[in-house]
Amino acid sequence: MADKKHKHGEMDITEQEKTFSGFMRMSTNIGIVAIAIVIFLAIFAR
């Protein structure tokens, strides 16, 4: 195993790309919901 050399660009990264895409989608959705809650509270919490 130690005699194998790493070659840049040969690793399959489809799973990492899907995971990162899901993470970014969830983060964006949480951010939108948080902003909506803040706006709702600013309008109706008097």
C-alpha atoms as a PDB file:
ATOM      1  CA  MET A   1       0.000   0.000   0.000  1.00  0.00           C
ATOM      2  CA  ALA A   2       2.860   2.382   0.702  1.00  0.00           C
ATOM      3  CA  ASP A   3       4.254   1.916  -2.798  1.00  0.00           C
ATOM      4  CA  LYS A   4       1.140   3.422  -4.473  1.00  0.00           C
ATOM      5  CA  LYS A   5       1.505   7.049  -5.489  1.00  0.00           C
ATOM      6  CA  HIS A   6      -1.331   9.543  -5.346  1.00  0.00           C
ATOM      7  CA  LYS A   7      -2.194  11.109  -8.679  1.00  0.00           C
ATOM      8  CA  HIS A   8      -4.106  14.378  -8.572  1.00  0.00           C
ATOM      9  CA  GLY A   9      -7.588  14.239 -10.097  1.00  0.00           C
ATOM     10  CA  GLU A  10      -8.118  10.471 -10.153  1.00  0.00           C
ATOM     11  CA  MET A  11     -10.316  10.082  -7.064  1.00  0.00           C
ATOM     12  CA  ASP A  12     -14.084   9.692  -7.519  1.00  0.00           C
ATOM     13  CA  ILE A  13     -15.658  12.622  -5.663  1.00  0.00           C
ATOM     14  CA  THR A  14     -19.318  12.235  -6.650  1.00  0.00           C
ATOM     15  CA  GLU A  15     -20.384  11.359  -3.084  1.00  0.00           C
ATOM     16  CA  GLN A  16     -18.533  14.354  -1.639  1.00  0.00           C
ATOM     17  CA  GLU A  17     -20.134  16.637  -4.229  1.00  0.00           C
ATOM     18  CA  LYS A  18     -23.617  15.325  -3.370  1.00  0.00           C
ATOM     19  CA  THR A  19     -22.957  15.739   0.358  1.00  0.00           C
ATOM     20  CA  PHE A  20     -21.672  19.291  -0.089  1.00  0.00           C
ATOM     21  CA  SER A  21     -24.629  20.172  -2.312  1.00  0.00           C
ATOM     22  CA  GLY A  22     -27.046  18.877   0.313  1.00  0.00           C
ATOM     23  CA  PHE A  23     -25.225  20.770   3.055  1.00  0.00           C
ATOM     24  CA  MET A  24     -25.363  24.034   1.091  1.00  0.00           C
ATOM     25  CA  ARG A  25     -29.058  23.539   0.270  1.00  0.00           C
ATOM     26  CA  MET A  26     -29.900  22.891   3.935  1.00  0.00           C
ATOM     27  CA  SER A  27     -27.804  25.850   5.103  1.00  0.00           C
ATOM     28  CA  THR A  28     -29.539  28.146   2.624  1.00  0.00           C
ATOM     29  CA  ASN A  29     -32.976  26.934   3.705  1.00  0.00           C
ATOM     30  CA  ILE A  30     -32.150  27.445   7.384  1.00  0.00           C
ATOM     31  CA  GLY A  31     -30.875  30.944   6.632  1.00  0.00           C
ATOM     32  CA  ILE A  32     -34.044  31.841   4.745  1.00  0.00           C
ATOM     33  CA  VAL A  33     -36.241  30.524   7.555  1.00  0.00           C
ATOM     34  CA  ALA A  34     -34.220  32.441  10.168  1.00  0.00           C
ATOM     35  CA  ILE A  35     -34.550  35.682   8.195  1.00  0.00           C
ATOM     36  CA  ALA A  36     -38.293  35.085   7.749  1.00  0.00           C
ATOM     37  CA  ILE A  37     -38.687  34.564  11.506  1.00  0.00           C
ATOM     38  CA  VAL A  38     -36.799  37.768  12.261  1.00  0.00           C
ATOM     39  CA  ILE A  39     -38.965  39.723   9.797  1.00  0.00           C
ATOM     40  CA  PHE A  40     -42.122  38.172  11.250  1.00  0.00           C
ATOM     41  CA  LEU A  41     -41.064  39.121  14.772  1.00  0.00           C
ATOM     42  CA  ALA A  42     -40.125  42.648  13.689  1.00  0.00           C
ATOM     43  CA  ILE A  43     -43.577  43.168  12.161  1.00  0.00           C
ATOM     44  CA  PHE A  44     -45.847  41.459  14.693  1.00  0.00           C
ATOM     45  CA  ALA A  45     -44.036  41.573  18.062  1.00  0.00           C
ATOM     46  CA  ARG A  46     -45.219  44.849  19.556  1.00  0.00           C
END
